N, C-alpha and C. Protein backbone atom coordinates (compact mmCIF):
# COMPACT_ATOMS: atom_id res chain seq x y z
N MET A 1 -8.12 10.90 20.40
CA MET A 1 -6.91 9.87 18.90
C MET A 1 -7.01 8.72 19.00
N GLY A 2 -5.81 8.92 19.84
CA GLY A 2 -5.15 7.36 20.54
C GLY A 2 -3.62 7.55 19.72
N ALA A 3 -2.09 6.81 20.23
CA ALA A 3 -1.07 6.83 19.97
C ALA A 3 -1.02 6.24 18.55
N ALA A 4 -1.89 5.88 17.21
CA ALA A 4 -1.81 5.85 15.95
C ALA A 4 -0.75 6.49 15.47
N ALA A 5 -0.36 6.14 15.12
CA ALA A 5 0.21 6.48 13.95
C ALA A 5 -0.06 7.16 12.64
N ILE A 6 -0.28 8.41 12.14
CA ILE A 6 0.07 8.21 10.73
C ILE A 6 0.77 8.99 9.44
N THR A 7 0.40 8.09 8.45
CA THR A 7 1.21 8.04 7.63
C THR A 7 1.11 8.18 6.26
N PHE A 8 1.46 8.51 5.10
CA PHE A 8 1.45 9.34 4.09
C PHE A 8 1.69 7.91 2.72
N ARG A 9 0.78 8.26 1.88
CA ARG A 9 0.72 7.28 0.63
C ARG A 9 0.42 8.42 -0.96
N HIS A 10 0.81 8.16 -1.91
CA HIS A 10 0.61 9.24 -2.85
C HIS A 10 0.34 7.96 -4.14
N ASP A 11 0.34 7.00 -3.94
CA ASP A 11 -0.15 5.36 -4.95
C ASP A 11 -1.58 5.84 -5.05
N ARG A 12 -2.24 5.54 -6.77
CA ARG A 12 -3.07 5.61 -6.62
C ARG A 12 -3.63 4.47 -6.64
N ARG A 13 -4.59 4.25 -6.12
CA ARG A 13 -5.43 3.16 -5.67
C ARG A 13 -7.53 3.04 -6.53
N SER A 14 -7.50 1.90 -6.70
CA SER A 14 -9.08 2.22 -6.95
C SER A 14 -10.11 2.43 -6.21
N GLY A 15 -10.71 3.59 -6.53
CA GLY A 15 -11.89 4.07 -5.32
C GLY A 15 -11.13 5.22 -4.88
N ASP A 16 -9.77 6.28 -5.02
CA ASP A 16 -9.33 7.06 -4.58
C ASP A 16 -10.29 8.47 -4.84
N ASP A 17 -10.86 8.17 -6.14
CA ASP A 17 -11.50 9.73 -6.87
C ASP A 17 -12.16 9.96 -5.67
N GLN A 18 -13.06 8.95 -5.41
CA GLN A 18 -14.28 8.70 -4.60
C GLN A 18 -13.88 9.15 -2.77
N LEU A 19 -12.99 8.95 -2.50
CA LEU A 19 -11.96 9.32 -1.11
C LEU A 19 -12.44 10.84 -1.20
N ILE A 20 -11.59 11.01 -2.20
CA ILE A 20 -11.28 12.87 -1.70
C ILE A 20 -13.08 12.72 -1.87
N VAL A 21 -13.46 12.56 -2.56
CA VAL A 21 -14.83 13.35 -2.04
C VAL A 21 -15.42 12.88 -1.27
N ASP A 22 -15.87 11.44 -0.72
CA ASP A 22 -15.87 11.13 1.17
C ASP A 22 -15.67 11.92 2.03
N MET A 23 -14.21 12.23 1.65
CA MET A 23 -13.56 13.19 2.79
C MET A 23 -13.84 14.33 2.73
N HIS A 24 -14.10 14.86 1.80
CA HIS A 24 -14.98 16.39 2.05
C HIS A 24 -16.15 16.15 2.65
N ARG A 25 -17.05 15.03 1.97
CA ARG A 25 -18.38 15.22 2.37
C ARG A 25 -18.59 15.34 4.08
N TYR A 26 -17.63 14.55 5.10
CA TYR A 26 -17.23 14.12 6.33
C TYR A 26 -16.01 15.17 6.58
N GLY A 27 -15.31 15.55 6.33
CA GLY A 27 -14.60 16.67 6.67
C GLY A 27 -15.43 18.12 6.86
N TYR A 28 -15.89 18.25 6.03
CA TYR A 28 -16.64 20.02 5.52
C TYR A 28 -18.33 19.51 6.65
N ALA A 29 -18.27 18.45 6.86
CA ALA A 29 -19.87 18.01 7.59
C ALA A 29 -20.60 19.59 8.60
N GLN A 30 -18.98 19.47 9.67
CA GLN A 30 -19.42 20.88 10.91
C GLN A 30 -19.31 22.68 10.19
N GLU A 31 -18.56 22.64 9.43
CA GLU A 31 -18.68 23.63 8.69
C GLU A 31 -20.16 24.51 8.48
N GLY A 32 -21.19 24.16 8.05
CA GLY A 32 -22.41 24.37 7.87
C GLY A 32 -22.82 23.34 6.42
N ASP A 33 -24.65 24.32 5.76
CA ASP A 33 -24.87 23.47 4.95
C ASP A 33 -24.40 24.61 3.72
N ARG A 34 -23.94 25.05 3.81
CA ARG A 34 -23.08 25.52 2.05
C ARG A 34 -22.33 24.58 2.07
N PHE A 35 -21.44 23.71 3.04
CA PHE A 35 -20.91 22.45 2.20
C PHE A 35 -21.54 21.09 2.26
N GLY A 36 -23.13 21.04 1.41
CA GLY A 36 -24.21 19.67 1.44
C GLY A 36 -23.57 19.33 -0.31
N PRO A 37 -24.86 18.45 -0.40
CA PRO A 37 -24.90 18.29 -1.83
C PRO A 37 -24.21 19.26 -2.80
N PRO A 38 -24.67 20.35 -2.72
CA PRO A 38 -23.47 20.83 -3.97
C PRO A 38 -22.32 21.25 -3.99
N PHE A 39 -21.89 21.36 -2.71
CA PHE A 39 -20.52 21.29 -2.29
C PHE A 39 -19.77 19.46 -3.11
N TRP A 40 -20.53 18.95 -2.70
CA TRP A 40 -20.14 17.31 -3.15
C TRP A 40 -20.40 17.39 -4.33
N ASP A 41 -20.92 17.99 -4.70
CA ASP A 41 -21.43 17.67 -6.73
C ASP A 41 -20.09 18.13 -7.60
N PHE A 42 -19.59 19.51 -6.49
CA PHE A 42 -18.34 20.24 -7.27
C PHE A 42 -17.62 19.48 -6.71
N VAL A 43 -17.06 19.14 -6.23
CA VAL A 43 -15.44 18.11 -5.73
C VAL A 43 -15.39 17.15 -6.75
N VAL A 44 -17.07 16.14 -7.01
CA VAL A 44 -16.90 15.17 -7.99
C VAL A 44 -16.12 15.83 -9.12
N GLU A 45 -16.82 17.16 -9.97
CA GLU A 45 -16.56 17.64 -11.04
C GLU A 45 -14.97 18.03 -11.33
N THR A 46 -14.41 18.73 -9.75
CA THR A 46 -13.12 18.97 -10.07
C THR A 46 -11.80 18.10 -9.94
N VAL A 47 -12.46 16.93 -9.44
CA VAL A 47 -11.57 15.48 -9.55
C VAL A 47 -11.14 14.73 -10.77
N ALA A 48 -12.95 15.43 -11.32
CA ALA A 48 -12.56 14.72 -12.78
C ALA A 48 -12.23 15.05 -13.42
N GLU A 49 -11.89 16.80 -13.58
CA GLU A 49 -11.32 17.78 -14.58
C GLU A 49 -10.16 17.68 -14.32
N ALA A 50 -9.17 17.30 -12.65
CA ALA A 50 -8.09 17.26 -12.60
C ALA A 50 -7.11 16.15 -13.58
N ARG A 51 -8.19 15.19 -13.85
CA ARG A 51 -7.62 14.05 -15.01
C ARG A 51 -6.17 12.74 -13.61
N LEU A 52 -6.60 13.11 -12.34
CA LEU A 52 -5.62 11.95 -12.03
C LEU A 52 -5.80 10.68 -12.32
N ASP A 53 -6.53 9.99 -13.12
CA ASP A 53 -6.22 9.01 -13.90
C ASP A 53 -5.23 8.87 -14.89
N GLN A 54 -4.52 9.96 -15.42
CA GLN A 54 -3.67 10.26 -16.47
C GLN A 54 -1.92 10.29 -15.54
N PRO A 55 -0.87 9.65 -16.30
CA PRO A 55 -0.05 9.58 -15.68
C PRO A 55 0.67 11.30 -16.19
N GLY A 56 1.17 11.51 -15.11
CA GLY A 56 1.66 12.76 -15.08
C GLY A 56 1.96 13.93 -13.80
N ARG A 57 2.48 14.69 -14.12
CA ARG A 57 2.96 15.41 -13.58
C ARG A 57 2.06 16.17 -11.75
N SER A 58 0.68 15.93 -11.43
CA SER A 58 -0.45 15.94 -10.67
C SER A 58 -0.51 14.70 -9.81
N ARG A 59 -0.58 14.85 -8.31
CA ARG A 59 -0.56 13.80 -7.60
C ARG A 59 -0.92 13.77 -6.93
N VAL A 60 -2.15 13.36 -6.10
CA VAL A 60 -2.60 12.78 -5.09
C VAL A 60 -2.26 12.21 -3.47
N TRP A 61 -1.89 12.95 -2.34
CA TRP A 61 -1.62 12.18 -0.77
C TRP A 61 -2.48 12.10 -0.15
N PHE A 62 -2.54 11.17 0.92
CA PHE A 62 -3.61 10.83 1.93
C PHE A 62 -2.70 10.04 3.18
N ALA A 63 -3.64 10.87 3.89
CA ALA A 63 -3.04 10.91 5.24
C ALA A 63 -3.75 10.08 6.11
N GLU A 64 -3.23 8.98 6.33
CA GLU A 64 -4.12 7.22 7.12
C GLU A 64 -3.76 7.07 8.48
N ILE A 65 -4.79 6.65 9.56
CA ILE A 65 -4.05 5.90 10.58
C ILE A 65 -5.20 4.80 10.61
N ASP A 66 -3.81 3.46 10.56
CA ASP A 66 -4.35 2.21 10.44
C ASP A 66 -5.32 1.81 9.79
N GLY A 67 -4.73 2.54 7.93
CA GLY A 67 -5.14 2.03 7.14
C GLY A 67 -6.55 2.70 6.36
N LYS A 68 -6.59 3.70 7.66
CA LYS A 68 -8.50 4.81 7.28
C LYS A 68 -7.52 6.27 6.65
N ALA A 69 -8.12 6.42 5.64
CA ALA A 69 -7.85 7.91 5.00
C ALA A 69 -8.55 9.04 5.88
N VAL A 70 -7.26 9.46 6.79
CA VAL A 70 -8.59 10.71 7.43
C VAL A 70 -7.62 11.83 6.74
N GLY A 71 -7.65 12.39 6.04
CA GLY A 71 -6.97 13.43 5.29
C GLY A 71 -6.23 13.65 3.69
N CYS A 72 -6.39 14.49 3.09
CA CYS A 72 -5.61 14.11 1.40
C CYS A 72 -5.26 16.01 1.08
N SER A 73 -4.75 15.46 -0.04
CA SER A 73 -4.70 17.30 -0.69
C SER A 73 -3.51 16.64 -1.78
N ALA A 74 -3.93 17.77 -3.13
CA ALA A 74 -3.36 17.57 -4.06
C ALA A 74 -2.36 18.33 -4.68
N LEU A 75 -1.32 18.20 -6.06
CA LEU A 75 -1.05 18.93 -6.13
C LEU A 75 -1.06 19.14 -7.56
N VAL A 76 -2.43 19.62 -8.80
CA VAL A 76 -2.57 19.26 -9.84
C VAL A 76 -1.66 20.55 -10.96
N ASP A 77 -1.01 19.91 -12.00
CA ASP A 77 -0.06 20.74 -12.74
C ASP A 77 -1.26 21.47 -13.78
N ARG A 78 -0.84 22.46 -13.84
CA ARG A 78 -1.28 23.45 -14.43
C ARG A 78 -0.79 24.51 -15.59
N GLY A 79 0.26 23.67 -16.05
CA GLY A 79 1.25 24.42 -16.67
C GLY A 79 2.21 24.33 -16.34
N GLU A 80 2.57 26.04 -16.40
CA GLU A 80 3.27 26.76 -15.86
C GLU A 80 3.38 27.10 -14.04
N ARG A 81 2.37 26.66 -13.89
CA ARG A 81 1.94 26.34 -11.84
C ARG A 81 1.26 25.49 -11.63
N GLY A 82 1.63 25.85 -10.31
CA GLY A 82 0.77 23.90 -10.03
C GLY A 82 -0.38 24.38 -9.01
N GLN A 83 -1.65 23.93 -8.78
CA GLN A 83 -2.75 24.17 -8.30
C GLN A 83 -2.51 23.18 -6.76
N LEU A 84 -2.60 23.68 -5.86
CA LEU A 84 -3.03 23.01 -4.37
C LEU A 84 -4.40 23.15 -4.41
N ARG A 85 -4.68 21.27 -3.98
CA ARG A 85 -6.00 21.22 -4.17
C ARG A 85 -6.54 19.97 -3.33
N TRP A 86 -7.93 20.29 -2.65
CA TRP A 86 -8.81 19.35 -1.39
C TRP A 86 -7.69 19.01 -0.67
N VAL A 87 -6.95 19.97 0.07
CA VAL A 87 -7.18 19.85 1.39
C VAL A 87 -8.21 20.01 2.29
N VAL A 88 -8.26 18.59 2.88
CA VAL A 88 -9.16 17.80 4.13
C VAL A 88 -8.37 17.11 4.83
N LEU A 89 -8.88 17.26 6.21
CA LEU A 89 -8.66 16.50 7.41
C LEU A 89 -9.80 16.01 7.91
N LEU A 90 -9.69 14.79 8.30
CA LEU A 90 -11.17 14.69 9.32
C LEU A 90 -10.89 15.10 10.54
N PRO A 91 -11.89 15.28 11.53
CA PRO A 91 -11.38 15.66 12.70
C PRO A 91 -10.85 14.53 13.63
N GLU A 92 -10.47 13.83 13.19
CA GLU A 92 -9.82 13.14 14.65
C GLU A 92 -8.15 12.86 14.25
N ALA A 93 -7.79 13.67 13.05
CA ALA A 93 -6.55 13.66 12.31
C ALA A 93 -6.41 15.60 12.23
N ARG A 94 -7.06 16.13 13.54
CA ARG A 94 -6.83 17.71 13.43
C ARG A 94 -6.35 18.38 14.66
N GLY A 95 -4.89 18.58 14.17
CA GLY A 95 -4.49 19.15 15.50
C GLY A 95 -2.88 18.31 15.33
N THR A 96 -2.65 17.88 14.81
CA THR A 96 -1.46 16.42 14.69
C THR A 96 -1.04 17.26 13.66
N GLY A 97 -0.89 17.63 13.25
CA GLY A 97 0.37 17.98 11.78
C GLY A 97 0.56 18.02 10.76
N ALA A 98 -1.01 17.05 10.09
CA ALA A 98 -0.98 16.06 9.44
C ALA A 98 -1.29 16.81 8.38
N GLY A 99 -2.18 18.06 8.63
CA GLY A 99 -3.03 19.17 7.63
C GLY A 99 -1.77 19.75 6.88
N ARG A 100 -0.23 20.25 7.66
CA ARG A 100 0.67 20.56 7.33
C ARG A 100 1.29 19.63 6.76
N LYS A 101 1.25 18.55 6.77
CA LYS A 101 2.83 17.63 6.11
C LYS A 101 1.80 17.23 5.09
N LEU A 102 1.00 17.52 4.73
CA LEU A 102 0.39 17.31 3.09
C LEU A 102 0.33 18.29 2.48
N VAL A 103 0.43 19.55 3.05
CA VAL A 103 0.82 20.78 1.90
C VAL A 103 1.76 20.80 1.65
N GLU A 104 2.69 20.18 2.50
CA GLU A 104 4.23 20.17 2.49
C GLU A 104 4.63 19.31 1.61
N LEU A 105 4.13 18.36 1.52
CA LEU A 105 3.81 17.01 0.43
C LEU A 105 4.06 17.62 -0.73
N ALA A 106 2.97 18.59 -0.67
CA ALA A 106 1.82 18.96 -2.80
C ALA A 106 3.66 19.67 -2.86
N LEU A 107 3.90 20.48 -2.17
CA LEU A 107 4.77 21.94 -2.57
C LEU A 107 6.25 21.40 -2.82
N ASP A 108 6.44 20.04 -2.20
CA ASP A 108 7.80 19.59 -2.00
C ASP A 108 7.88 19.11 -3.74
N HIS A 109 6.96 18.63 -4.56
CA HIS A 109 6.23 18.05 -5.52
C HIS A 109 6.15 18.80 -6.66
N ALA A 110 5.44 19.77 -6.42
CA ALA A 110 5.65 21.27 -7.21
C ALA A 110 6.60 21.92 -7.53
N ARG A 111 7.93 21.91 -6.44
CA ARG A 111 9.48 22.11 -6.74
C ARG A 111 9.76 21.00 -7.30
N HIS A 112 9.51 19.78 -7.41
CA HIS A 112 10.35 18.47 -7.93
C HIS A 112 9.59 18.90 -9.68
N CYS A 113 8.62 19.34 -9.60
CA CYS A 113 8.30 19.80 -11.34
C CYS A 113 8.49 20.46 -11.52
N GLY A 114 9.20 21.84 -10.97
CA GLY A 114 9.45 22.73 -11.81
C GLY A 114 9.00 24.10 -11.53
N HIS A 115 7.71 23.77 -10.69
CA HIS A 115 7.04 24.55 -10.39
C HIS A 115 7.36 26.12 -9.83
N ALA A 116 7.63 27.24 -10.13
CA ALA A 116 7.98 28.59 -9.87
C ALA A 116 7.03 29.42 -8.63
N GLU A 117 5.81 28.70 -8.95
CA GLU A 117 4.32 29.28 -7.99
C GLU A 117 3.36 28.27 -7.87
N VAL A 118 3.01 27.99 -7.01
CA VAL A 118 2.15 27.45 -6.31
C VAL A 118 0.58 27.88 -6.24
N TYR A 119 -0.93 27.38 -6.35
CA TYR A 119 -2.20 28.84 -6.37
C TYR A 119 -2.84 27.70 -6.01
N LEU A 120 -4.05 27.94 -4.76
CA LEU A 120 -5.20 27.34 -4.56
C LEU A 120 -6.60 28.24 -4.46
N GLU A 121 -7.16 27.72 -4.19
CA GLU A 121 -9.03 28.06 -4.26
C GLU A 121 -9.29 28.04 -2.94
N THR A 122 -10.17 28.38 -2.74
CA THR A 122 -11.22 28.70 -1.37
C THR A 122 -12.22 29.59 -0.94
N THR A 123 -12.77 29.44 0.09
CA THR A 123 -13.78 30.14 -0.03
C THR A 123 -13.87 30.83 1.80
N ASP A 124 -14.21 32.22 2.54
CA ASP A 124 -14.21 32.60 3.49
C ASP A 124 -14.88 31.77 4.40
N GLY A 125 -14.38 31.56 5.74
CA GLY A 125 -15.48 31.62 6.94
C GLY A 125 -14.37 29.83 7.25
N LEU A 126 -13.64 29.25 6.22
CA LEU A 126 -12.40 28.31 6.66
C LEU A 126 -11.45 28.25 7.54
N ALA A 127 -11.30 29.13 8.59
CA ALA A 127 -10.36 30.08 9.50
C ALA A 127 -8.82 29.03 9.56
N SER A 128 -9.83 27.73 9.72
CA SER A 128 -7.94 26.95 10.45
C SER A 128 -7.61 26.69 8.92
N SER A 129 -7.73 26.48 8.11
CA SER A 129 -7.17 26.24 6.83
C SER A 129 -6.51 27.34 6.29
N MET A 130 -7.10 27.77 6.38
CA MET A 130 -6.47 29.81 6.06
C MET A 130 -5.02 29.94 7.20
N ALA A 131 -5.32 29.55 8.46
CA ALA A 131 -4.08 29.57 8.75
C ALA A 131 -2.98 28.86 8.47
N ILE A 132 -3.04 27.56 7.99
CA ILE A 132 -2.30 26.72 7.71
C ILE A 132 -1.65 27.57 6.34
N TYR A 133 -2.41 28.05 5.21
CA TYR A 133 -1.86 28.53 4.46
C TYR A 133 -0.75 29.21 4.69
N GLU A 134 -1.85 29.98 5.30
CA GLU A 134 -0.30 31.86 5.48
C GLU A 134 0.86 31.38 6.35
N LYS A 135 0.28 30.42 7.28
CA LYS A 135 2.02 29.73 7.90
C LYS A 135 2.70 29.65 7.20
N MET A 136 2.49 28.85 5.92
CA MET A 136 2.96 27.91 4.80
C MET A 136 3.91 29.60 3.78
N GLY A 137 3.76 31.28 3.71
CA GLY A 137 3.59 31.69 2.68
C GLY A 137 2.44 32.23 1.86
N PHE A 138 1.95 31.31 1.75
CA PHE A 138 0.51 31.89 0.78
C PHE A 138 0.08 32.99 0.97
N ARG A 139 -0.15 33.66 0.28
CA ARG A 139 -0.83 35.12 0.21
C ARG A 139 -1.79 35.65 -0.35
N THR A 140 -3.16 35.75 0.00
CA THR A 140 -4.79 36.19 -0.91
C THR A 140 -3.82 37.27 -2.12
N SER A 141 -4.42 36.88 -3.40
CA SER A 141 -3.65 37.52 -4.41
C SER A 141 -5.25 37.82 -4.78
N ASP A 142 -6.15 37.51 -4.87
CA ASP A 142 -8.34 37.91 -4.71
C ASP A 142 -8.76 37.59 -4.07
N ALA A 143 -9.73 38.23 -3.74
CA ALA A 143 -10.77 37.86 -3.27
C ALA A 143 -12.15 39.09 -3.39
N HIS A 144 -13.07 38.19 -3.88
CA HIS A 144 -14.10 38.32 -4.49
C HIS A 144 -15.26 37.96 -4.88
N VAL A 145 -16.70 38.88 -4.45
CA VAL A 145 -17.84 37.72 -4.37
C VAL A 145 -18.24 36.94 -5.66
N GLU A 146 -19.01 35.95 -5.70
CA GLU A 146 -18.96 35.45 -6.85
C GLU A 146 -19.83 34.21 -6.45
N ARG A 147 -21.04 33.59 -7.93
CA ARG A 147 -21.80 32.36 -7.64
C ARG A 147 -21.16 31.45 -7.54
N LEU A 148 -21.15 30.41 -6.00
CA LEU A 148 -20.08 29.40 -5.60
C LEU A 148 -21.34 28.15 -5.43
N TRP A 149 -21.27 27.20 -5.19
CA TRP A 149 -21.70 26.42 -5.16
C TRP A 149 -23.28 26.11 -4.11
N HIS A 150 -22.82 26.75 -3.22
CA HIS A 150 -23.80 27.17 -2.26
C HIS A 150 -24.97 28.79 -3.00
N GLY A 151 -24.29 29.27 -3.93
CA GLY A 151 -24.90 30.46 -3.76
C GLY A 151 -23.62 31.77 -4.16
N ASP A 152 -23.79 32.82 -3.13
CA ASP A 152 -22.96 33.86 -3.10
C ASP A 152 -22.39 33.54 -2.08
N GLY A 153 -20.72 34.20 -2.66
CA GLY A 153 -19.60 33.79 -1.16
C GLY A 153 -18.30 34.29 -1.92
N VAL A 154 -17.79 34.68 -0.81
CA VAL A 154 -16.09 34.88 -0.91
C VAL A 154 -14.90 33.64 -2.07
N HIS A 155 -14.79 33.50 -3.23
CA HIS A 155 -13.36 33.27 -3.82
C HIS A 155 -13.06 33.59 -3.51
N ILE A 156 -11.44 33.24 -3.25
CA ILE A 156 -10.35 33.41 -2.48
C ILE A 156 -9.12 32.64 -2.87
N THR A 157 -8.64 33.86 -3.83
CA THR A 157 -7.02 32.94 -4.60
C THR A 157 -5.70 33.17 -3.82
N MET A 158 -5.15 32.23 -3.66
CA MET A 158 -3.62 32.68 -2.56
C MET A 158 -3.36 32.24 -3.24
N THR A 159 -1.32 32.55 -3.21
CA THR A 159 -0.79 32.05 -4.28
C THR A 159 0.85 32.30 -2.81
N LEU A 160 1.86 31.35 -3.66
CA LEU A 160 2.32 30.78 -3.19
C LEU A 160 3.92 30.81 -4.03
N GLN A 161 5.19 31.64 -4.04
CA GLN A 161 6.33 31.87 -4.93
C GLN A 161 7.27 30.69 -4.35
N LEU A 162 7.20 29.75 -5.18
CA LEU A 162 8.60 28.96 -4.71
C LEU A 162 10.06 29.24 -4.89
């Protein structure tokens, strides 16, 4: 990756919603066919549902190297709880600590908003992501097989008490 510093931003810019989708497209490319076009459509739907263009307590962070986005995370306000969403890193940012920092930024914001709990939803087969979440204190609160964007898969919910 070189010596370029990773910076983080949370200001909203034109094109950021598409940037979230694009980073999922490239960031999950090596994870196999189940993260193909139906997955990208799922990300588009979840970004639209979160209504990030509305002022409020939801926020997205982007990790950047030399102005290029290499990762993101978000905290979506769900009333009494916050939802950690769209945590993804492009290959060139892996192993730098940027993933952990993106999650920390979202959790700090959740605390600032007064959330007592944050949850996330994920699926099986993402060992690196699960390791970050578990190291940060998230625990699996539910895991069951259900119909996902790619067919049947394990839907995992993890929670963290703040």
